[in-house]
Amino acid sequence: MSRVCEITGKRPQVGNNVSHANNKTKRKFYPNLQKKRFYIPEEDKWIRLKVSTSAIRTINKKGITAVLKEARKKGNVLV
């Protein structure tokens, strides 16, 4: 399964490890993804999403239905 947030679309980023001697080697920065269940009262069902922690905070603030509607409009939702 890919490491992509189903709400925000966040993906791993590529960067460098930089040593004390300024040697650079490639590395990845992974988003902090969590599998979480959300209840959608309009559809009366539970859904399981793989979301970043920042997306969880957004869902807590705006509500799951508003966030899903906004994500579908942007084309980010994989569900």
N, C-alpha and C. Protein backbone atom coordinates (compact mmCIF):
# COMPACT_ATOMS: atom_id res chain seq x y z
N MET A 1 0.85 -1.18 0.00
CA MET A 1 0.00 0.00 0.00
C MET A 1 0.90 1.24 0.00
N SER A 2 0.49 2.25 -0.75
CA SER A 2 1.34 3.42 -0.89
C SER A 2 1.24 4.31 0.35
N ARG A 3 2.28 5.10 0.54
CA ARG A 3 2.33 6.01 1.68
C ARG A 3 1.83 7.37 1.25
N VAL A 4 0.52 7.46 1.02
CA VAL A 4 -0.11 8.69 0.56
C VAL A 4 -1.33 8.95 1.43
N CYS A 5 -1.48 10.20 1.87
CA CYS A 5 -2.66 10.59 2.64
C CYS A 5 -3.86 10.65 1.71
N GLU A 6 -4.96 10.01 2.09
CA GLU A 6 -6.14 9.94 1.23
C GLU A 6 -6.94 11.24 1.24
N ILE A 7 -6.65 12.14 2.15
CA ILE A 7 -7.36 13.42 2.21
C ILE A 7 -6.53 14.55 1.59
N THR A 8 -5.30 14.71 2.06
CA THR A 8 -4.48 15.84 1.61
C THR A 8 -3.61 15.49 0.41
N GLY A 9 -3.37 14.21 0.17
CA GLY A 9 -2.51 13.81 -0.94
C GLY A 9 -1.03 13.91 -0.62
N LYS A 10 -0.70 14.06 0.66
CA LYS A 10 0.71 14.16 1.05
C LYS A 10 1.43 12.86 0.71
N ARG A 11 2.67 12.99 0.17
CA ARG A 11 3.48 11.86 -0.25
C ARG A 11 4.87 11.98 0.37
N PRO A 12 5.67 10.91 0.31
CA PRO A 12 7.05 11.03 0.78
C PRO A 12 7.82 12.06 -0.06
N GLN A 13 8.67 12.83 0.61
CA GLN A 13 9.52 13.79 -0.07
C GLN A 13 10.95 13.27 -0.06
N VAL A 14 11.75 13.72 -1.02
CA VAL A 14 13.12 13.27 -1.13
C VAL A 14 14.04 14.39 -0.70
N GLY A 15 15.08 14.03 0.04
CA GLY A 15 16.06 15.01 0.50
C GLY A 15 17.40 14.34 0.70
N ASN A 16 18.25 14.99 1.47
CA ASN A 16 19.59 14.48 1.71
C ASN A 16 19.87 14.34 3.20
N ASN A 17 20.61 13.26 3.56
CA ASN A 17 21.28 13.21 4.85
C ASN A 17 22.57 13.98 4.66
N VAL A 18 22.87 14.88 5.56
CA VAL A 18 24.10 15.66 5.44
C VAL A 18 24.96 15.37 6.66
N SER A 19 26.15 14.82 6.40
CA SER A 19 27.05 14.46 7.48
C SER A 19 27.82 15.69 7.97
N HIS A 20 28.58 15.51 9.02
CA HIS A 20 29.41 16.58 9.57
C HIS A 20 30.45 17.03 8.54
N ALA A 21 30.89 16.09 7.71
CA ALA A 21 31.87 16.39 6.66
C ALA A 21 31.18 16.91 5.39
N ASN A 22 29.87 17.18 5.48
CA ASN A 22 29.06 17.72 4.39
C ASN A 22 28.90 16.72 3.23
N ASN A 23 29.02 15.41 3.53
CA ASN A 23 28.70 14.39 2.54
C ASN A 23 27.18 14.27 2.47
N LYS A 24 26.67 14.10 1.27
CA LYS A 24 25.22 14.04 1.10
C LYS A 24 24.81 12.68 0.52
N THR A 25 23.84 12.06 1.17
CA THR A 25 23.26 10.82 0.67
C THR A 25 21.74 10.98 0.65
N LYS A 26 21.12 10.36 -0.34
CA LYS A 26 19.67 10.50 -0.50
C LYS A 26 18.92 9.82 0.64
N ARG A 27 17.77 10.39 1.00
CA ARG A 27 16.88 9.82 1.99
C ARG A 27 15.46 10.26 1.68
N LYS A 28 14.51 9.69 2.38
CA LYS A 28 13.11 10.06 2.21
C LYS A 28 12.54 10.59 3.51
N PHE A 29 11.66 11.56 3.39
CA PHE A 29 10.89 12.08 4.51
C PHE A 29 9.46 11.58 4.34
N TYR A 30 9.01 10.71 5.23
CA TYR A 30 7.68 10.11 5.11
C TYR A 30 6.65 10.93 5.88
N PRO A 31 5.43 11.07 5.36
CA PRO A 31 4.38 11.75 6.12
C PRO A 31 3.94 10.86 7.28
N ASN A 32 3.46 11.49 8.34
CA ASN A 32 3.01 10.77 9.52
C ASN A 32 1.59 10.26 9.28
N LEU A 33 1.48 9.05 8.71
CA LEU A 33 0.18 8.50 8.34
C LEU A 33 -0.36 7.57 9.42
N GLN A 34 -1.66 7.63 9.61
CA GLN A 34 -2.37 6.79 10.57
C GLN A 34 -3.60 6.19 9.89
N LYS A 35 -3.92 4.95 10.23
CA LYS A 35 -5.18 4.37 9.77
C LYS A 35 -6.24 4.72 10.80
N LYS A 36 -7.32 5.34 10.36
CA LYS A 36 -8.32 5.83 11.30
C LYS A 36 -9.71 5.60 10.72
N ARG A 37 -10.64 5.24 11.61
CA ARG A 37 -12.04 5.08 11.21
C ARG A 37 -12.80 6.35 11.51
N PHE A 38 -13.66 6.74 10.57
CA PHE A 38 -14.51 7.91 10.74
C PHE A 38 -15.95 7.51 10.48
N TYR A 39 -16.85 8.09 11.27
CA TYR A 39 -18.28 7.83 11.10
C TYR A 39 -18.89 8.96 10.30
N ILE A 40 -19.63 8.61 9.25
CA ILE A 40 -20.32 9.60 8.42
C ILE A 40 -21.81 9.48 8.72
N PRO A 41 -22.36 10.42 9.47
CA PRO A 41 -23.77 10.31 9.87
C PRO A 41 -24.75 10.41 8.70
N GLU A 42 -24.42 11.17 7.65
CA GLU A 42 -25.32 11.32 6.50
C GLU A 42 -25.53 9.99 5.78
N GLU A 43 -24.47 9.20 5.67
CA GLU A 43 -24.55 7.90 5.00
C GLU A 43 -24.76 6.76 6.00
N ASP A 44 -24.71 7.07 7.30
CA ASP A 44 -24.87 6.11 8.38
C ASP A 44 -23.91 4.93 8.23
N LYS A 45 -22.62 5.24 8.01
CA LYS A 45 -21.63 4.17 7.89
C LYS A 45 -20.26 4.66 8.37
N TRP A 46 -19.40 3.69 8.64
CA TRP A 46 -18.02 3.95 9.03
C TRP A 46 -17.13 3.77 7.81
N ILE A 47 -16.10 4.61 7.70
CA ILE A 47 -15.09 4.42 6.66
C ILE A 47 -13.71 4.42 7.32
N ARG A 48 -12.79 3.68 6.73
CA ARG A 48 -11.42 3.63 7.23
C ARG A 48 -10.54 4.37 6.23
N LEU A 49 -9.83 5.37 6.73
CA LEU A 49 -8.95 6.18 5.88
C LEU A 49 -7.52 6.12 6.39
N LYS A 50 -6.58 6.23 5.46
CA LYS A 50 -5.17 6.37 5.80
C LYS A 50 -4.86 7.85 5.66
N VAL A 51 -4.78 8.55 6.78
CA VAL A 51 -4.66 10.00 6.77
C VAL A 51 -3.45 10.47 7.57
N SER A 52 -2.94 11.64 7.20
CA SER A 52 -1.85 12.24 7.94
C SER A 52 -2.41 12.86 9.22
N THR A 53 -1.55 13.10 10.17
CA THR A 53 -2.00 13.67 11.44
C THR A 53 -2.52 15.09 11.25
N SER A 54 -1.97 15.81 10.28
CA SER A 54 -2.49 17.15 10.01
C SER A 54 -3.91 17.06 9.43
N ALA A 55 -4.19 16.03 8.65
CA ALA A 55 -5.54 15.83 8.11
C ALA A 55 -6.51 15.48 9.24
N ILE A 56 -6.06 14.72 10.23
CA ILE A 56 -6.92 14.39 11.38
C ILE A 56 -7.30 15.66 12.13
N ARG A 57 -6.34 16.57 12.28
CA ARG A 57 -6.62 17.84 12.95
C ARG A 57 -7.63 18.66 12.14
N THR A 58 -7.49 18.65 10.83
CA THR A 58 -8.43 19.37 9.96
C THR A 58 -9.83 18.77 10.07
N ILE A 59 -9.91 17.43 10.11
CA ILE A 59 -11.20 16.76 10.25
C ILE A 59 -11.84 17.09 11.59
N ASN A 60 -11.04 17.15 12.65
CA ASN A 60 -11.57 17.51 13.97
C ASN A 60 -12.11 18.94 13.97
N LYS A 61 -11.48 19.81 13.19
CA LYS A 61 -11.88 21.21 13.16
C LYS A 61 -13.11 21.43 12.28
N LYS A 62 -13.09 20.91 11.04
CA LYS A 62 -14.14 21.19 10.07
C LYS A 62 -15.25 20.15 10.03
N GLY A 63 -14.94 18.91 10.40
CA GLY A 63 -15.90 17.82 10.31
C GLY A 63 -15.60 16.96 9.09
N ILE A 64 -15.91 15.67 9.20
CA ILE A 64 -15.54 14.71 8.17
C ILE A 64 -16.28 14.97 6.86
N THR A 65 -17.54 15.36 6.92
CA THR A 65 -18.30 15.54 5.67
C THR A 65 -17.77 16.72 4.87
N ALA A 66 -17.44 17.81 5.54
CA ALA A 66 -16.91 18.99 4.85
C ALA A 66 -15.54 18.70 4.24
N VAL A 67 -14.71 17.96 4.97
CA VAL A 67 -13.37 17.64 4.48
C VAL A 67 -13.45 16.68 3.30
N LEU A 68 -14.32 15.67 3.37
CA LEU A 68 -14.48 14.74 2.25
C LEU A 68 -15.01 15.44 1.00
N LYS A 69 -15.96 16.35 1.19
CA LYS A 69 -16.52 17.09 0.07
C LYS A 69 -15.44 17.94 -0.61
N GLU A 70 -14.63 18.60 0.21
CA GLU A 70 -13.54 19.43 -0.30
C GLU A 70 -12.47 18.59 -1.01
N ALA A 71 -12.15 17.43 -0.45
CA ALA A 71 -11.13 16.55 -1.04
C ALA A 71 -11.62 15.94 -2.35
N ARG A 72 -12.90 15.60 -2.42
CA ARG A 72 -13.46 15.06 -3.68
C ARG A 72 -13.42 16.12 -4.77
N LYS A 73 -13.65 17.36 -4.41
CA LYS A 73 -13.60 18.45 -5.37
C LYS A 73 -12.19 18.60 -5.95
N LYS A 74 -11.17 18.44 -5.08
CA LYS A 74 -9.77 18.55 -5.52
C LYS A 74 -9.30 17.27 -6.21
N GLY A 75 -10.02 16.17 -6.00
CA GLY A 75 -9.62 14.90 -6.61
C GLY A 75 -8.62 14.12 -5.80
N ASN A 76 -8.52 14.37 -4.50
CA ASN A 76 -7.55 13.69 -3.64
C ASN A 76 -8.07 12.39 -3.03
N VAL A 77 -9.37 12.26 -2.88
CA VAL A 77 -9.92 11.14 -2.13
C VAL A 77 -9.76 9.85 -2.91
N LEU A 78 -9.19 8.82 -2.26
CA LEU A 78 -9.02 7.51 -2.87
C LEU A 78 -10.17 6.59 -2.55
N VAL A 79 -11.09 7.04 -1.68
CA VAL A 79 -12.21 6.21 -1.24
C VAL A 79 -13.38 6.38 -2.17
